[in-house]
Protein backbone atom coordinates (compact mmCIF):
# COMPACT_ATOMS: atom_id res chain seq x y z
CA MET A 1 0.07 0.04 -0.08
CA SER A 2 1.32 3.46 -0.71
CA HIS A 3 1.49 6.11 1.53
CA ILE A 4 -0.71 9.13 1.32
CA ALA A 5 0.79 11.74 -0.26
CA GLU A 6 1.91 9.45 -3.32
CA VAL A 7 -1.72 8.85 -4.01
CA TYR A 8 -2.48 12.54 -4.33
CA ALA A 9 0.53 13.02 -6.18
CA LYS A 10 -0.13 10.49 -8.66
CA ASP A 11 -4.07 11.76 -8.30
CA LEU A 12 -3.15 15.01 -9.22
CA GLY A 13 -0.37 14.54 -11.85
CA VAL A 14 1.96 16.43 -9.68
CA LYS A 15 5.89 15.68 -8.06
CA ILE A 16 5.70 15.22 -3.91
CA GLY A 17 7.98 18.46 -3.14
CA LYS A 18 9.39 19.63 -0.18
CA PRO A 19 6.93 22.14 1.32
CA ARG A 20 7.62 25.51 1.90
CA ILE A 21 5.90 26.70 5.17
CA THR A 22 5.43 30.41 6.92
CA GLU A 23 5.59 31.09 10.19
CA HIS A 24 5.29 33.91 12.61
CA PHE A 25 7.67 34.64 15.99
CA TYR A 26 6.15 33.45 19.05
CA PRO A 27 7.16 35.44 22.18
CA GLY A 28 7.95 34.06 25.84
CA LEU A 29 9.27 30.42 24.66
CA PRO A 30 11.83 28.97 26.80
CA GLU A 31 15.56 28.70 25.19
CA LYS A 32 15.12 24.63 25.23
CA TYR A 33 11.96 22.58 24.53
CA ILE A 34 10.34 20.11 22.63
CA THR A 35 6.91 20.37 21.59
CA PHE A 36 4.05 17.95 22.32
CA GLN A 37 0.53 17.59 20.68
CA ALA A 38 -2.25 15.34 22.39
CA SER A 39 -4.94 15.27 19.19
CA ASN A 40 -8.72 15.11 20.31
CA LYS A 41 -10.49 16.37 17.05
CA MET A 42 -11.10 12.45 16.49
CA PRO A 43 -12.03 9.37 19.06
CA ALA A 44 -9.15 7.14 17.56
CA ALA A 45 -6.16 9.93 18.07
CA ASN A 46 -7.24 10.20 21.61
CA TYR A 47 -4.47 8.75 23.46
CA LEU A 48 -4.81 8.56 27.25
CA TYR A 49 -1.16 8.11 28.45
CA TRP A 50 0.16 11.42 27.30
CA ASP A 51 0.38 12.10 31.55
CA ILE A 52 2.24 9.41 32.06
CA VAL A 53 4.17 9.52 28.96
CA ILE A 54 4.90 13.41 30.13
CA SER A 55 6.11 12.37 33.93
CA LEU A 56 8.30 9.24 32.89
CA ILE A 57 10.45 11.71 30.30
CA LYS A 58 10.94 14.60 32.60
CA PRO A 59 13.30 13.51 34.84
CA PHE A 60 15.63 12.76 31.96
CA VAL A 61 15.22 15.53 30.26
CA GLY A 62 16.75 18.23 32.67
CA ASN A 63 15.84 22.21 31.97
CA THR A 64 14.41 20.73 28.63
CA LYS A 65 10.20 22.37 28.58
CA ILE A 66 7.79 20.68 27.14
CA LEU A 67 5.67 22.88 25.29
CA GLN A 68 2.13 21.97 24.32
CA VAL A 69 1.16 22.65 20.79
CA GLY A 70 -2.67 21.64 19.65
CA GLY A 71 -5.75 23.39 18.85
CA PRO A 72 -7.48 25.53 21.20
CA ASP A 73 -9.86 22.81 21.72
CA ASP A 74 -7.52 20.70 22.76
CA ILE A 75 -7.31 18.86 26.19
CA GLN A 76 -4.08 20.56 27.79
CA ILE A 77 -2.21 17.71 29.54
CA LYS A 78 -0.95 17.92 33.00
CA GLY A 79 2.47 17.54 33.96
CA ILE A 80 3.44 20.54 30.65
CA ASP A 81 5.39 23.75 31.18
CA PHE A 82 4.41 25.46 28.92
CA SER A 83 0.71 25.76 26.49
CA SER A 84 0.23 26.88 23.10
CA LEU A 85 -2.46 26.05 22.19
CA GLY A 86 -4.75 28.06 19.74
CA CYS A 87 -2.30 29.71 18.47
CA SER A 88 -2.48 30.51 14.49
CA TYR A 89 -0.64 27.83 12.94
CA LYS A 90 2.29 29.83 11.71
CA GLN A 91 2.91 30.66 15.14
CA MET A 92 2.48 26.58 15.43
CA ASN A 93 5.23 26.07 12.77
CA TYR A 94 7.63 28.75 14.33
CA ILE A 95 7.40 26.95 18.38
CA ILE A 96 8.19 23.95 16.19
CA LYS A 97 11.32 24.60 14.18
CA ASN A 98 12.92 25.88 16.99
CA ALA A 99 12.39 23.12 19.38
CA GLU A 100 14.74 19.87 20.55
CA ALA A 101 12.39 17.72 19.35
CA HIS A 102 8.33 16.41 19.24
CA MET A 103 6.31 13.77 19.55
CA GLY A 104 2.13 13.42 19.50
CA CYS A 105 -0.39 12.04 17.04
CA ASP A 106 -0.21 11.24 13.22
CA SER A 107 -1.44 14.93 12.11
CA LEU A 108 -0.19 18.43 11.17
CA PRO A 109 2.56 19.08 13.89
CA GLY A 110 4.40 15.75 13.09
CA HIS A 111 4.62 16.64 9.68
CA ILE A 112 5.62 19.69 9.69
CA ALA A 113 8.39 18.66 12.33
CA SER A 114 9.07 16.74 9.61
CA ALA A 115 9.47 19.39 7.51
CA TYR A 116 11.32 21.32 9.66
CA ASP A 117 14.18 18.16 9.82
CA ILE A 118 13.03 17.94 13.84
CA PRO A 119 13.60 14.55 15.68
CA SER A 120 10.50 13.30 16.23
CA VAL A 121 8.21 10.44 17.65
CA ILE A 122 4.48 10.30 15.83
CA LEU A 123 1.38 7.85 17.03
CA HIS A 124 -0.10 5.47 14.48
CA PHE A 125 -3.75 5.19 15.36
CA ASN A 126 -6.17 4.06 12.78
CA LEU A 127 -4.10 3.03 9.63
CA TYR A 128 -0.21 1.57 9.02
CA LYS A 129 2.41 3.94 9.14
CA GLU A 130 3.82 3.12 6.18
CA ASN A 131 0.95 4.66 4.99
CA SER A 132 1.20 8.05 6.85
CA LYS A 133 4.46 8.60 8.61
CA PRO A 134 6.18 11.76 7.75
CA ILE A 135 8.40 11.95 4.92
CA TRP A 136 10.47 14.91 4.67
CA HIS A 137 13.35 13.91 7.61
CA LYS A 138 16.98 14.03 6.11
CA GLU A 139 19.32 13.94 9.02
CA ASN A 140 17.18 14.06 12.12
CA SER A 141 14.76 10.98 12.36
CA CYS A 142 11.00 10.22 12.87
CA ILE A 143 10.09 7.54 14.92
CA SER A 144 6.78 5.57 13.91
CA ILE A 145 4.95 3.82 16.60
CA GLU A 146 1.71 2.09 15.63
CA PRO A 147 -0.19 -0.60 17.63
CA ASP A 148 0.37 -4.94 16.70
CA PHE A 149 -1.41 -4.44 14.19
CA SER A 150 -0.39 -8.52 13.13
CA LYS A 151 -3.80 -10.37 14.34
CA ILE A 152 -6.04 -7.21 13.67
CA LYS A 153 -5.72 -4.85 11.01
CA PRO A 154 -6.38 -1.09 10.93
CA SER A 155 -9.84 0.10 10.84
CA TYR A 156 -8.79 3.42 9.14
CA SER A 157 -11.92 5.01 11.35
CA ASP A 158 -11.83 8.08 13.01
CA LYS A 159 -13.69 6.39 16.04
CA CYS A 160 -11.19 3.12 16.81
CA ASN A 161 -8.80 3.80 19.32
CA ARG A 162 -6.38 0.95 18.97
CA ILE A 163 -3.95 3.62 19.92
CA ASN A 164 -4.27 3.04 23.45
CA GLU A 165 -2.55 -0.19 23.13
CA ILE A 166 0.88 1.57 22.51
CA LYS A 167 2.49 1.67 26.09
CA PRO A 168 3.21 4.94 26.89
CA GLU A 169 7.07 3.13 28.35
CA GLN A 170 8.05 3.15 24.55
CA VAL A 171 6.90 6.16 23.74
CA ALA A 172 8.87 8.02 26.41
CA GLN A 173 11.97 5.52 25.32
CA ALA A 174 10.96 6.73 21.70
CA ILE A 175 11.67 10.99 22.66
CA LEU A 176 14.43 9.94 25.33
CA ASP A 177 16.32 7.99 22.07
CA GLN A 178 15.35 11.36 20.01
CA LEU A 179 17.18 13.04 22.41
CA ASP A 180 20.39 11.13 22.50
CA ILE A 181 19.63 10.61 26.18
CA LYS A 182 20.64 7.25 27.80
């Protein structure tokens, strides 16, 4: 099965290129931070263990702060240091561009991080990671994590909640690996 970007490119008769992204300054950011996005726009992307992931990585990241990005209706997760929920897309782009790493569900902020080549950890929930993972990383990497689809295949439904089969310890270890923290 092809990546979604390949399907769109084929159907539209265009080549896949690196996106041009514009950003606007966002004031008051910490010197070092990780961006994080917890989507709740569809039930399939509602990962219930972000607060556990945050509590697992906090003791290891030192002065690096955890900054939540996303829409104005996203739920603020316990344990974050800063929230920019509801800022404009261009401000979110600026925030992600200057991050040490990004973690979140498969959605726009993960692909923005890929375009800026920010090390990322992305959770996939209702389709195979090979079909939707960020594709623009060059020097840095993206760790894509999905539920075990070996016995029960993905549903492609926006109501599926298989994302919660992903262990928070696995997500926390992946983000520490991206930050090169042992």
